[in-house]
Amino acid sequence: MDSKVAAHCAIAAVLGIIAAATGFAGEATRVKVSEVFMVLDSCVYPNSPALALGIVSAVFTIITRIYISVWFGGSGCCRSDPNSTAITKLLFVLSWVASVIAMILLLTAAALNNRQVGQIDSYGYITCYVVKPGIFAAGAILALLSAVFGICAYLTISSVTQAATGLTGPLPVGAGVDLEKFPQQYTPQQQYPPRQQYPPQK
């Protein structure tokens, strides 16, 4: 693997891991039902870093998406690159879908976690709302998968590009070979002087 390709993949992986780690941290620190109590028909919520962690996770998901789009060619699902295969396009589409859903889940969970109001049920009782378990975790997993899909797509198209580039080579001048149709290497043929004709001996 080329060092430049490895460096770009490592950066994308680190960004995806940070997005996933902060998302899982938000899941661990979200407000639970047992932590909420009522005072004078009002829900009192404890302080929780889940809001900040969810926002940070969503921000790193966006940064990862931008990095993949800029350096990896995030529009690979529609690109006209001849080295782009069906698998590459599918991976880019999955990366886009995963990142969008991850951002929606993380931002929604962060906003709902900070909701300081109650709800009145059908019986007229006030119930305190908390974020359902698994929303932060689902966003974190999708954020990580977005980076994984983007890296796999980049590695796929990079391997095809390197394989195609490795077959090209210089051709002899005047060989009459079409460079686009025949990219293989050719060995120039040795030119010999024309044979001289001698008069027949008597």
N, C-alpha and C. Protein backbone atom coordinates (compact mmCIF):
# COMPACT_ATOMS: atom_id res chain seq x y z
N MET A 1 0.83 -1.19 0.00
CA MET A 1 0.00 0.00 0.00
C MET A 1 0.87 1.24 0.00
N ASP A 2 0.50 2.21 -0.82
CA ASP A 2 1.25 3.45 -0.90
C ASP A 2 1.15 4.20 0.42
N SER A 3 2.25 4.90 0.78
CA SER A 3 2.27 5.62 2.06
C SER A 3 1.23 6.73 2.12
N LYS A 4 0.97 7.37 0.99
CA LYS A 4 -0.04 8.43 0.96
C LYS A 4 -1.43 7.86 1.18
N VAL A 5 -1.72 6.73 0.56
CA VAL A 5 -3.01 6.08 0.75
C VAL A 5 -3.18 5.64 2.20
N ALA A 6 -2.12 5.08 2.79
CA ALA A 6 -2.18 4.64 4.18
C ALA A 6 -2.41 5.81 5.12
N ALA A 7 -1.77 6.95 4.85
CA ALA A 7 -1.94 8.12 5.71
C ALA A 7 -3.37 8.64 5.67
N HIS A 8 -3.95 8.73 4.46
CA HIS A 8 -5.33 9.20 4.34
C HIS A 8 -6.31 8.24 5.03
N CYS A 9 -6.08 6.96 4.88
CA CYS A 9 -6.94 5.98 5.52
C CYS A 9 -6.82 6.05 7.05
N ALA A 10 -5.61 6.27 7.55
CA ALA A 10 -5.39 6.36 8.99
C ALA A 10 -6.11 7.58 9.57
N ILE A 11 -6.04 8.71 8.87
CA ILE A 11 -6.72 9.92 9.35
C ILE A 11 -8.23 9.71 9.38
N ALA A 12 -8.78 9.13 8.30
CA ALA A 12 -10.22 8.87 8.27
C ALA A 12 -10.62 7.89 9.37
N ALA A 13 -9.80 6.90 9.64
CA ALA A 13 -10.10 5.93 10.69
C ALA A 13 -10.10 6.59 12.06
N VAL A 14 -9.13 7.47 12.32
CA VAL A 14 -9.06 8.16 13.61
C VAL A 14 -10.29 9.06 13.81
N LEU A 15 -10.68 9.77 12.76
CA LEU A 15 -11.87 10.62 12.86
C LEU A 15 -13.12 9.79 13.13
N GLY A 16 -13.24 8.66 12.44
CA GLY A 16 -14.40 7.80 12.67
C GLY A 16 -14.40 7.21 14.07
N ILE A 17 -13.23 6.85 14.60
CA ILE A 17 -13.14 6.29 15.95
C ILE A 17 -13.52 7.34 16.99
N ILE A 18 -13.08 8.59 16.78
CA ILE A 18 -13.44 9.65 17.73
C ILE A 18 -14.95 9.88 17.72
N ALA A 19 -15.55 9.90 16.52
CA ALA A 19 -17.00 10.08 16.44
C ALA A 19 -17.73 8.95 17.15
N ALA A 20 -17.26 7.72 16.95
CA ALA A 20 -17.91 6.58 17.59
C ALA A 20 -17.70 6.58 19.10
N ALA A 21 -16.49 6.92 19.54
CA ALA A 21 -16.18 6.90 20.98
C ALA A 21 -17.02 7.93 21.73
N THR A 22 -17.13 9.14 21.19
CA THR A 22 -17.95 10.15 21.86
C THR A 22 -19.43 9.78 21.83
N GLY A 23 -19.87 9.11 20.77
CA GLY A 23 -21.25 8.65 20.73
C GLY A 23 -21.54 7.60 21.79
N PHE A 24 -20.62 6.64 21.95
CA PHE A 24 -20.79 5.63 23.00
C PHE A 24 -20.71 6.26 24.39
N ALA A 25 -19.86 7.28 24.53
CA ALA A 25 -19.79 7.98 25.82
C ALA A 25 -21.11 8.70 26.12
N GLY A 26 -21.72 9.26 25.07
CA GLY A 26 -23.04 9.86 25.27
C GLY A 26 -24.08 8.84 25.68
N GLU A 27 -24.00 7.63 25.12
CA GLU A 27 -24.92 6.57 25.53
C GLU A 27 -24.72 6.20 26.99
N ALA A 28 -23.47 6.17 27.44
CA ALA A 28 -23.18 5.77 28.82
C ALA A 28 -23.59 6.85 29.82
N THR A 29 -23.57 8.11 29.40
CA THR A 29 -23.85 9.21 30.33
C THR A 29 -25.23 9.82 30.13
N ARG A 30 -26.07 9.23 29.29
CA ARG A 30 -27.40 9.80 29.07
C ARG A 30 -28.20 9.73 30.37
N VAL A 31 -29.24 10.58 30.44
CA VAL A 31 -30.09 10.62 31.63
C VAL A 31 -30.99 9.39 31.65
N LYS A 32 -30.97 8.67 32.77
CA LYS A 32 -31.81 7.49 32.94
C LYS A 32 -33.11 7.86 33.67
N VAL A 33 -34.07 6.97 33.57
CA VAL A 33 -35.35 7.21 34.23
C VAL A 33 -35.18 7.30 35.74
N SER A 34 -34.31 6.47 36.28
CA SER A 34 -34.10 6.45 37.73
C SER A 34 -33.43 7.72 38.25
N GLU A 35 -32.84 8.51 37.37
CA GLU A 35 -32.15 9.73 37.79
C GLU A 35 -33.05 10.97 37.76
N VAL A 36 -34.27 10.82 37.26
CA VAL A 36 -35.19 11.95 37.15
C VAL A 36 -36.20 11.87 38.29
N PHE A 37 -36.48 13.00 38.92
CA PHE A 37 -37.50 13.06 39.97
C PHE A 37 -38.36 14.30 39.76
N MET A 38 -39.49 14.34 40.41
CA MET A 38 -40.46 15.40 40.22
C MET A 38 -40.56 16.27 41.47
N VAL A 39 -40.67 17.58 41.21
CA VAL A 39 -40.85 18.56 42.27
C VAL A 39 -41.96 19.50 41.84
N LEU A 40 -43.08 19.47 42.58
CA LEU A 40 -44.23 20.33 42.28
C LEU A 40 -44.69 20.16 40.83
N ASP A 41 -44.92 18.92 40.44
CA ASP A 41 -45.41 18.57 39.11
C ASP A 41 -44.45 19.00 38.00
N SER A 42 -43.19 19.08 38.32
CA SER A 42 -42.18 19.42 37.32
C SER A 42 -41.08 18.37 37.36
N CYS A 43 -40.57 18.05 36.18
CA CYS A 43 -39.50 17.07 36.08
C CYS A 43 -38.15 17.76 36.31
N VAL A 44 -37.36 17.19 37.17
CA VAL A 44 -36.04 17.72 37.47
C VAL A 44 -35.01 16.70 36.95
N TYR A 45 -34.18 17.17 36.02
CA TYR A 45 -33.18 16.31 35.38
C TYR A 45 -31.80 16.62 35.94
N PRO A 46 -30.96 15.62 36.13
CA PRO A 46 -29.59 15.88 36.58
C PRO A 46 -28.73 16.40 35.42
N ASN A 47 -27.62 16.99 35.78
CA ASN A 47 -26.68 17.44 34.76
C ASN A 47 -26.02 16.23 34.11
N SER A 48 -25.90 16.29 32.78
CA SER A 48 -25.33 15.16 32.04
C SER A 48 -24.51 15.69 30.88
N PRO A 49 -23.32 15.10 30.67
CA PRO A 49 -22.50 15.52 29.52
C PRO A 49 -22.95 14.90 28.20
N ALA A 50 -24.07 14.18 28.21
CA ALA A 50 -24.52 13.50 27.00
C ALA A 50 -24.84 14.48 25.89
N LEU A 51 -25.37 15.65 26.24
CA LEU A 51 -25.67 16.66 25.22
C LEU A 51 -24.40 17.08 24.48
N ALA A 52 -23.36 17.44 25.23
CA ALA A 52 -22.10 17.87 24.61
C ALA A 52 -21.46 16.72 23.84
N LEU A 53 -21.50 15.51 24.40
CA LEU A 53 -20.89 14.36 23.73
C LEU A 53 -21.61 14.03 22.43
N GLY A 54 -22.93 14.13 22.44
CA GLY A 54 -23.67 13.87 21.22
C GLY A 54 -23.36 14.88 20.13
N ILE A 55 -23.24 16.14 20.52
CA ILE A 55 -22.90 17.18 19.53
C ILE A 55 -21.49 16.97 18.99
N VAL A 56 -20.55 16.66 19.87
CA VAL A 56 -19.17 16.42 19.43
C VAL A 56 -19.12 15.22 18.48
N SER A 57 -19.85 14.17 18.81
CA SER A 57 -19.87 13.00 17.94
C SER A 57 -20.45 13.34 16.57
N ALA A 58 -21.52 14.14 16.54
CA ALA A 58 -22.11 14.54 15.26
C ALA A 58 -21.15 15.42 14.47
N VAL A 59 -20.44 16.30 15.17
CA VAL A 59 -19.48 17.18 14.48
C VAL A 59 -18.34 16.36 13.86
N PHE A 60 -17.82 15.39 14.59
CA PHE A 60 -16.74 14.56 14.03
C PHE A 60 -17.27 13.66 12.91
N THR A 61 -18.53 13.30 12.97
CA THR A 61 -19.12 12.55 11.85
C THR A 61 -19.15 13.42 10.60
N ILE A 62 -19.51 14.70 10.77
CA ILE A 62 -19.51 15.63 9.63
C ILE A 62 -18.10 15.84 9.11
N ILE A 63 -17.13 16.00 10.02
CA ILE A 63 -15.74 16.19 9.60
C ILE A 63 -15.23 14.97 8.83
N THR A 64 -15.58 13.79 9.32
CA THR A 64 -15.18 12.57 8.61
C THR A 64 -15.80 12.51 7.23
N ARG A 65 -17.07 12.90 7.13
CA ARG A 65 -17.74 12.90 5.84
C ARG A 65 -17.08 13.88 4.86
N ILE A 66 -16.72 15.07 5.36
CA ILE A 66 -16.06 16.06 4.51
C ILE A 66 -14.69 15.56 4.08
N TYR A 67 -13.95 14.97 5.00
CA TYR A 67 -12.61 14.47 4.68
C TYR A 67 -12.67 13.39 3.62
N ILE A 68 -13.62 12.45 3.77
CA ILE A 68 -13.76 11.39 2.78
C ILE A 68 -14.17 11.96 1.43
N SER A 69 -15.05 12.96 1.45
CA SER A 69 -15.51 13.54 0.19
C SER A 69 -14.39 14.28 -0.53
N VAL A 70 -13.53 14.96 0.24
CA VAL A 70 -12.47 15.77 -0.37
C VAL A 70 -11.32 14.90 -0.86
N TRP A 71 -10.83 14.01 0.00
CA TRP A 71 -9.63 13.25 -0.33
C TRP A 71 -9.92 11.93 -1.02
N PHE A 72 -11.06 11.32 -0.73
CA PHE A 72 -11.37 10.03 -1.30
C PHE A 72 -12.27 10.12 -2.51
N GLY A 73 -12.81 11.32 -2.78
CA GLY A 73 -13.77 11.44 -3.87
C GLY A 73 -15.13 10.94 -3.44
N GLY A 74 -15.75 11.64 -2.49
CA GLY A 74 -17.01 11.19 -1.91
C GLY A 74 -18.15 11.10 -2.87
N SER A 75 -18.02 11.74 -4.04
CA SER A 75 -19.09 11.62 -5.05
C SER A 75 -18.84 10.43 -5.95
N GLY A 76 -18.15 9.42 -5.41
CA GLY A 76 -17.79 8.26 -6.22
C GLY A 76 -18.98 7.50 -6.77
N CYS A 77 -20.17 7.68 -6.16
CA CYS A 77 -21.33 6.97 -6.67
C CYS A 77 -21.73 7.49 -8.04
N CYS A 78 -21.32 8.69 -8.38
CA CYS A 78 -21.68 9.27 -9.67
C CYS A 78 -20.46 9.62 -10.51
N ARG A 79 -19.28 9.25 -10.09
CA ARG A 79 -18.07 9.69 -10.76
C ARG A 79 -17.91 8.96 -12.09
N SER A 80 -17.22 9.62 -13.01
CA SER A 80 -16.99 9.04 -14.33
C SER A 80 -15.62 8.38 -14.43
N ASP A 81 -14.97 8.16 -13.30
CA ASP A 81 -13.66 7.52 -13.28
C ASP A 81 -13.79 6.10 -13.85
N PRO A 82 -13.02 5.75 -14.87
CA PRO A 82 -13.14 4.40 -15.43
C PRO A 82 -12.71 3.32 -14.45
N ASN A 83 -11.93 3.68 -13.42
CA ASN A 83 -11.49 2.70 -12.43
C ASN A 83 -12.53 2.46 -11.34
N SER A 84 -13.62 3.23 -11.34
CA SER A 84 -14.67 3.07 -10.35
C SER A 84 -15.54 1.87 -10.71
N THR A 85 -15.61 0.91 -9.81
CA THR A 85 -16.39 -0.30 -10.04
C THR A 85 -17.75 -0.19 -9.33
N ALA A 86 -18.57 -1.20 -9.56
CA ALA A 86 -19.89 -1.21 -8.91
C ALA A 86 -19.75 -1.33 -7.39
N ILE A 87 -18.76 -2.09 -6.94
CA ILE A 87 -18.53 -2.22 -5.50
C ILE A 87 -18.11 -0.89 -4.89
N THR A 88 -17.24 -0.16 -5.60
CA THR A 88 -16.80 1.14 -5.12
C THR A 88 -17.97 2.10 -4.98
N LYS A 89 -18.82 2.15 -5.98
CA LYS A 89 -19.98 3.04 -5.93
C LYS A 89 -20.93 2.65 -4.80
N LEU A 90 -21.13 1.35 -4.60
CA LEU A 90 -22.00 0.90 -3.53
C LEU A 90 -21.45 1.28 -2.17
N LEU A 91 -20.14 1.14 -1.98
CA LEU A 91 -19.52 1.49 -0.71
C LEU A 91 -19.63 2.99 -0.44
N PHE A 92 -19.45 3.81 -1.48
CA PHE A 92 -19.59 5.25 -1.29
C PHE A 92 -21.02 5.61 -0.92
N VAL A 93 -22.00 4.97 -1.54
CA VAL A 93 -23.40 5.24 -1.21
C VAL A 93 -23.70 4.84 0.23
N LEU A 94 -23.22 3.67 0.64
CA LEU A 94 -23.42 3.22 2.01
C LEU A 94 -22.75 4.16 3.01
N SER A 95 -21.58 4.68 2.64
CA SER A 95 -20.89 5.63 3.52
C SER A 95 -21.71 6.90 3.71
N TRP A 96 -22.26 7.41 2.62
CA TRP A 96 -23.10 8.61 2.69
C TRP A 96 -24.35 8.35 3.54
N VAL A 97 -25.03 7.26 3.29
CA VAL A 97 -26.26 6.97 4.01
C VAL A 97 -25.98 6.79 5.51
N ALA A 98 -24.92 6.07 5.83
CA ALA A 98 -24.58 5.84 7.24
C ALA A 98 -24.25 7.14 7.95
N SER A 99 -23.52 8.03 7.30
CA SER A 99 -23.15 9.29 7.95
C SER A 99 -24.37 10.18 8.17
N VAL A 100 -25.28 10.24 7.20
CA VAL A 100 -26.47 11.08 7.35
C VAL A 100 -27.36 10.57 8.49
N ILE A 101 -27.61 9.26 8.52
CA ILE A 101 -28.44 8.70 9.58
C ILE A 101 -27.76 8.87 10.94
N ALA A 102 -26.44 8.71 10.98
CA ALA A 102 -25.71 8.87 12.25
C ALA A 102 -25.85 10.29 12.78
N MET A 103 -25.71 11.29 11.92
CA MET A 103 -25.85 12.68 12.37
C MET A 103 -27.25 12.96 12.87
N ILE A 104 -28.27 12.43 12.19
CA ILE A 104 -29.65 12.65 12.64
C ILE A 104 -29.88 12.03 14.01
N LEU A 105 -29.42 10.79 14.20
CA LEU A 105 -29.61 10.11 15.48
C LEU A 105 -28.87 10.81 16.61
N LEU A 106 -27.63 11.19 16.36
CA LEU A 106 -26.83 11.81 17.42
C LEU A 106 -27.38 13.17 17.83
N LEU A 107 -27.74 13.99 16.86
CA LEU A 107 -28.27 15.31 17.17
C LEU A 107 -29.65 15.21 17.84
N THR A 108 -30.47 14.28 17.38
CA THR A 108 -31.78 14.09 17.99
C THR A 108 -31.66 13.61 19.43
N ALA A 109 -30.79 12.63 19.64
CA ALA A 109 -30.60 12.13 21.00
C ALA A 109 -30.03 13.21 21.92
N ALA A 110 -29.12 14.02 21.42
CA ALA A 110 -28.56 15.08 22.24
C ALA A 110 -29.62 16.11 22.62
N ALA A 111 -30.48 16.45 21.65
CA ALA A 111 -31.52 17.43 21.94
C ALA A 111 -32.56 16.88 22.91
N LEU A 112 -32.97 15.63 22.72
CA LEU A 112 -33.97 15.04 23.60
C LEU A 112 -33.42 14.81 25.00
N ASN A 113 -32.12 14.54 25.10
CA ASN A 113 -31.53 14.32 26.41
C ASN A 113 -31.57 15.59 27.26
N ASN A 114 -31.59 16.74 26.61
CA ASN A 114 -31.59 18.02 27.32
C ASN A 114 -33.00 18.56 27.50
N ARG A 115 -33.99 17.79 27.17
CA ARG A 115 -35.38 18.24 27.26
C ARG A 115 -35.82 18.24 28.72
N GLN A 116 -36.14 19.39 29.24
CA GLN A 116 -36.44 19.56 30.65
C GLN A 116 -37.94 19.73 30.90
N VAL A 117 -38.77 18.99 30.22
CA VAL A 117 -40.22 19.09 30.41
C VAL A 117 -40.78 17.68 30.53
N GLY A 118 -42.00 17.61 31.02
CA GLY A 118 -42.69 16.34 31.14
C GLY A 118 -43.82 16.23 30.14
N GLN A 119 -44.41 15.07 30.09
CA GLN A 119 -45.52 14.81 29.20
C GLN A 119 -46.71 14.31 30.01
N ILE A 120 -47.88 14.68 29.56
CA ILE A 120 -49.10 14.24 30.22
C ILE A 120 -49.65 13.04 29.46
N ASP A 121 -49.78 11.93 30.15
CA ASP A 121 -50.25 10.72 29.48
C ASP A 121 -51.77 10.73 29.37
N SER A 122 -52.31 9.63 28.88
CA SER A 122 -53.76 9.54 28.66
C SER A 122 -54.56 9.53 29.96
N TYR A 123 -53.91 9.22 31.07
CA TYR A 123 -54.60 9.20 32.36
C TYR A 123 -54.48 10.53 33.10
N GLY A 124 -53.79 11.51 32.49
CA GLY A 124 -53.65 12.81 33.12
C GLY A 124 -52.46 12.94 34.03
N TYR A 125 -51.60 11.93 34.06
CA TYR A 125 -50.41 11.99 34.90
C TYR A 125 -49.24 12.56 34.10
N ILE A 126 -48.36 13.25 34.81
CA ILE A 126 -47.17 13.81 34.18
C ILE A 126 -46.06 12.76 34.20
N THR A 127 -45.52 12.49 33.06
CA THR A 127 -44.39 11.55 32.95
C THR A 127 -43.18 12.31 32.44
N CYS A 128 -42.05 11.99 32.98
CA CYS A 128 -40.80 12.66 32.59
C CYS A 128 -40.18 11.91 31.42
N TYR A 129 -39.80 12.65 30.40
CA TYR A 129 -39.28 12.05 29.16
C TYR A 129 -37.77 11.91 29.25
N VAL A 130 -37.28 10.75 28.83
CA VAL A 130 -35.84 10.52 28.72
C VAL A 130 -35.57 9.86 27.37
N VAL A 131 -34.33 9.97 26.94
CA VAL A 131 -33.93 9.36 25.67
C VAL A 131 -33.94 7.85 25.81
N LYS A 132 -34.51 7.18 24.83
CA LYS A 132 -34.54 5.73 24.86
C LYS A 132 -33.13 5.16 24.71
N PRO A 133 -32.85 4.07 25.38
CA PRO A 133 -31.50 3.49 25.26
C PRO A 133 -31.23 2.98 23.85
N GLY A 134 -30.01 3.17 23.41
CA GLY A 134 -29.57 2.66 22.12
C GLY A 134 -29.50 3.69 21.01
N ILE A 135 -30.07 4.88 21.21
CA ILE A 135 -30.05 5.88 20.13
C ILE A 135 -28.64 6.44 19.94
N PHE A 136 -27.99 6.81 21.03
CA PHE A 136 -26.60 7.27 20.93
C PHE A 136 -25.71 6.16 20.36
N ALA A 137 -25.90 4.94 20.84
CA ALA A 137 -25.07 3.82 20.39
C ALA A 137 -25.27 3.55 18.90
N ALA A 138 -26.52 3.62 18.44
CA ALA A 138 -26.79 3.39 17.02
C ALA A 138 -26.12 4.47 16.17
N GLY A 139 -26.19 5.71 16.62
CA GLY A 139 -25.50 6.78 15.89
C GLY A 139 -24.00 6.60 15.86
N ALA A 140 -23.44 6.13 16.99
CA ALA A 140 -21.99 5.90 17.05
C ALA A 140 -21.57 4.78 16.10
N ILE A 141 -22.35 3.71 16.06
CA ILE A 141 -22.01 2.59 15.17
C ILE A 141 -22.08 3.03 13.71
N LEU A 142 -23.11 3.79 13.36
CA LEU A 142 -23.23 4.24 11.97
C LEU A 142 -22.13 5.24 11.61
N ALA A 143 -21.71 6.06 12.57
CA ALA A 143 -20.60 6.98 12.30
C ALA A 143 -19.32 6.22 12.00
N LEU A 144 -19.08 5.14 12.75
CA LEU A 144 -17.90 4.32 12.49
C LEU A 144 -18.03 3.58 11.15
N LEU A 145 -19.21 3.06 10.86
CA LEU A 145 -19.42 2.36 9.59
C LEU A 145 -19.25 3.30 8.41
N SER A 146 -19.64 4.56 8.57
CA SER A 146 -19.46 5.52 7.49
C SER A 146 -17.99 5.66 7.13
N ALA A 147 -17.12 5.75 8.15
CA ALA A 147 -15.68 5.83 7.89
C ALA A 147 -15.16 4.53 7.28
N VAL A 148 -15.64 3.40 7.77
CA VAL A 148 -15.18 2.10 7.26
C VAL A 148 -15.55 1.93 5.79
N PHE A 149 -16.80 2.26 5.44
CA PHE A 149 -17.23 2.14 4.06
C PHE A 149 -16.44 3.07 3.15
N GLY A 150 -16.19 4.29 3.62
CA GLY A 150 -15.42 5.23 2.81
C GLY A 150 -13.99 4.76 2.58
N ILE A 151 -13.37 4.21 3.62
CA ILE A 151 -12.00 3.71 3.49
C ILE A 151 -11.96 2.51 2.54
N CYS A 152 -12.91 1.60 2.68
CA CYS A 152 -12.94 0.42 1.79
C CYS A 152 -13.14 0.83 0.34
N ALA A 153 -13.99 1.81 0.10
CA ALA A 153 -14.20 2.28 -1.28
C ALA A 153 -12.92 2.90 -1.83
N TYR A 154 -12.24 3.67 -0.99
CA TYR A 154 -10.99 4.31 -1.44
C TYR A 154 -9.91 3.27 -1.74
N LEU A 155 -9.81 2.26 -0.88
CA LEU A 155 -8.82 1.20 -1.11
C LEU A 155 -9.15 0.41 -2.37
N THR A 156 -10.42 0.21 -2.63
CA THR A 156 -10.82 -0.54 -3.83
C THR A 156 -10.42 0.19 -5.10
N ILE A 157 -10.76 1.47 -5.16
CA ILE A 157 -10.45 2.22 -6.39
C ILE A 157 -8.95 2.51 -6.49
N SER A 158 -8.25 2.63 -5.34
CA SER A 158 -6.81 2.85 -5.38
C SER A 158 -6.08 1.62 -5.91
N SER A 159 -6.52 0.42 -5.50
CA SER A 159 -5.88 -0.80 -5.98
C SER A 159 -6.08 -0.98 -7.48
N VAL A 160 -7.28 -0.63 -7.96
CA VAL A 160 -7.53 -0.74 -9.40
C VAL A 160 -6.69 0.27 -10.17
N THR A 161 -6.57 1.49 -9.63
CA THR A 161 -5.77 2.52 -10.30
C THR A 161 -4.31 2.14 -10.35
N GLN A 162 -3.77 1.62 -9.24
CA GLN A 162 -2.36 1.23 -9.21
C GLN A 162 -2.09 0.06 -10.15
N ALA A 163 -3.04 -0.88 -10.24
CA ALA A 163 -2.85 -2.01 -11.14
C ALA A 163 -2.84 -1.55 -12.60
N ALA A 164 -3.71 -0.60 -12.92
CA ALA A 164 -3.74 -0.09 -14.29
C ALA A 164 -2.51 0.73 -14.62
N THR A 165 -2.02 1.49 -13.64
CA THR A 165 -0.84 2.32 -13.86
C THR A 165 0.41 1.47 -14.01
N GLY A 166 0.48 0.36 -13.32
CA GLY A 166 1.68 -0.47 -13.37
C GLY A 166 1.89 -1.16 -14.70
N LEU A 167 0.88 -1.21 -15.57
CA LEU A 167 1.01 -1.87 -16.86
C LEU A 167 1.54 -0.96 -17.95
N THR A 168 1.52 0.34 -17.70
CA THR A 168 1.94 1.27 -18.72
C THR A 168 3.44 1.37 -18.76
N GLY A 169 3.99 1.75 -19.94
CA GLY A 169 5.42 1.89 -20.08
C GLY A 169 5.75 2.57 -21.39
N PRO A 170 7.00 2.96 -21.63
CA PRO A 170 7.37 3.65 -22.86
C PRO A 170 7.33 2.71 -24.06
N LEU A 171 6.92 3.25 -25.17
CA LEU A 171 6.87 2.49 -26.42
C LEU A 171 7.88 3.07 -27.40
N PRO A 172 8.39 2.25 -28.30
CA PRO A 172 9.35 2.76 -29.29
C PRO A 172 8.68 3.71 -30.26
N VAL A 173 9.42 4.68 -30.67
CA VAL A 173 8.91 5.66 -31.62
C VAL A 173 8.74 5.00 -32.97
N GLY A 174 7.59 5.24 -33.58
CA GLY A 174 7.36 4.67 -34.90
C GLY A 174 6.96 3.22 -34.88
N ALA A 175 6.57 2.70 -33.72
CA ALA A 175 6.19 1.29 -33.65
C ALA A 175 4.80 1.06 -34.22
N GLY A 176 4.01 2.13 -34.35
CA GLY A 176 2.67 2.00 -34.90
C GLY A 176 1.70 1.33 -33.96
N VAL A 177 1.87 1.56 -32.64
CA VAL A 177 1.02 0.93 -31.64
C VAL A 177 0.17 2.00 -31.00
N ASP A 178 -1.12 1.75 -30.85
CA ASP A 178 -2.03 2.69 -30.21
C ASP A 178 -1.83 2.61 -28.70
N LEU A 179 -1.46 3.72 -28.08
CA LEU A 179 -1.18 3.72 -26.65
C LEU A 179 -2.42 3.44 -25.83
N GLU A 180 -3.59 3.87 -26.31
CA GLU A 180 -4.80 3.67 -25.54
C GLU A 180 -5.26 2.21 -25.57
N LYS A 181 -5.03 1.54 -26.69
CA LYS A 181 -5.49 0.16 -26.82
C LYS A 181 -4.48 -0.83 -26.28
N PHE A 182 -3.19 -0.51 -26.40
CA PHE A 182 -2.14 -1.44 -25.99
C PHE A 182 -1.18 -0.73 -25.04
N PRO A 183 -1.52 -0.70 -23.72
CA PRO A 183 -0.64 -0.02 -22.77
C PRO A 183 0.54 -0.85 -22.32
N GLN A 184 0.74 -2.07 -22.87
CA GLN A 184 1.83 -2.91 -22.41
C GLN A 184 3.17 -2.37 -22.91
N GLN A 185 4.19 -2.89 -22.28
CA GLN A 185 5.54 -2.51 -22.65
C GLN A 185 6.00 -3.32 -23.86
N TYR A 186 6.73 -2.66 -24.74
CA TYR A 186 7.26 -3.31 -25.93
C TYR A 186 8.76 -3.07 -25.99
N THR A 187 9.46 -4.09 -26.44
CA THR A 187 10.91 -3.97 -26.61
C THR A 187 11.21 -3.56 -28.03
N PRO A 188 11.94 -2.44 -28.21
CA PRO A 188 12.23 -2.01 -29.59
C PRO A 188 13.00 -3.07 -30.36
N GLN A 189 12.58 -3.27 -31.57
CA GLN A 189 13.27 -4.26 -32.40
C GLN A 189 14.56 -3.66 -32.97
N GLN A 190 15.57 -4.49 -33.04
CA GLN A 190 16.86 -4.04 -33.56
C GLN A 190 16.77 -3.85 -35.08
N GLN A 191 17.23 -2.72 -35.52
CA GLN A 191 17.18 -2.40 -36.94
C GLN A 191 18.47 -2.90 -37.63
N TYR A 192 18.30 -3.63 -38.71
CA TYR A 192 19.44 -4.14 -39.45
C TYR A 192 19.52 -3.41 -40.80
N PRO A 193 20.72 -3.19 -41.29
CA PRO A 193 20.84 -2.52 -42.61
C PRO A 193 20.35 -3.45 -43.70
N PRO A 194 19.81 -2.91 -44.75
CA PRO A 194 19.30 -3.76 -45.85
C PRO A 194 20.44 -4.59 -46.46
N ARG A 195 20.10 -5.81 -46.85
CA ARG A 195 21.09 -6.71 -47.44
C ARG A 195 21.45 -6.25 -48.87
N GLN A 196 22.72 -6.19 -49.11
CA GLN A 196 23.18 -5.75 -50.43
C GLN A 196 23.16 -6.93 -51.41
N GLN A 197 22.76 -6.65 -52.62
CA GLN A 197 22.71 -7.67 -53.66
C GLN A 197 23.98 -7.61 -54.51
N TYR A 198 24.62 -8.75 -54.71
CA TYR A 198 25.83 -8.84 -55.51
C TYR A 198 25.52 -9.52 -56.83
N PRO A 199 26.21 -9.16 -57.89
CA PRO A 199 25.98 -9.85 -59.18
C PRO A 199 26.42 -11.29 -59.09
N PRO A 200 25.72 -12.18 -59.74
CA PRO A 200 26.10 -13.61 -59.69
C PRO A 200 27.50 -13.85 -60.27
N GLN A 201 28.22 -14.68 -59.56
CA GLN A 201 29.58 -15.00 -60.02
C GLN A 201 29.53 -15.97 -61.21
N LYS A 202 30.45 -15.80 -62.16
CA LYS A 202 30.54 -16.67 -63.32
C LYS A 202 31.43 -17.86 -63.04
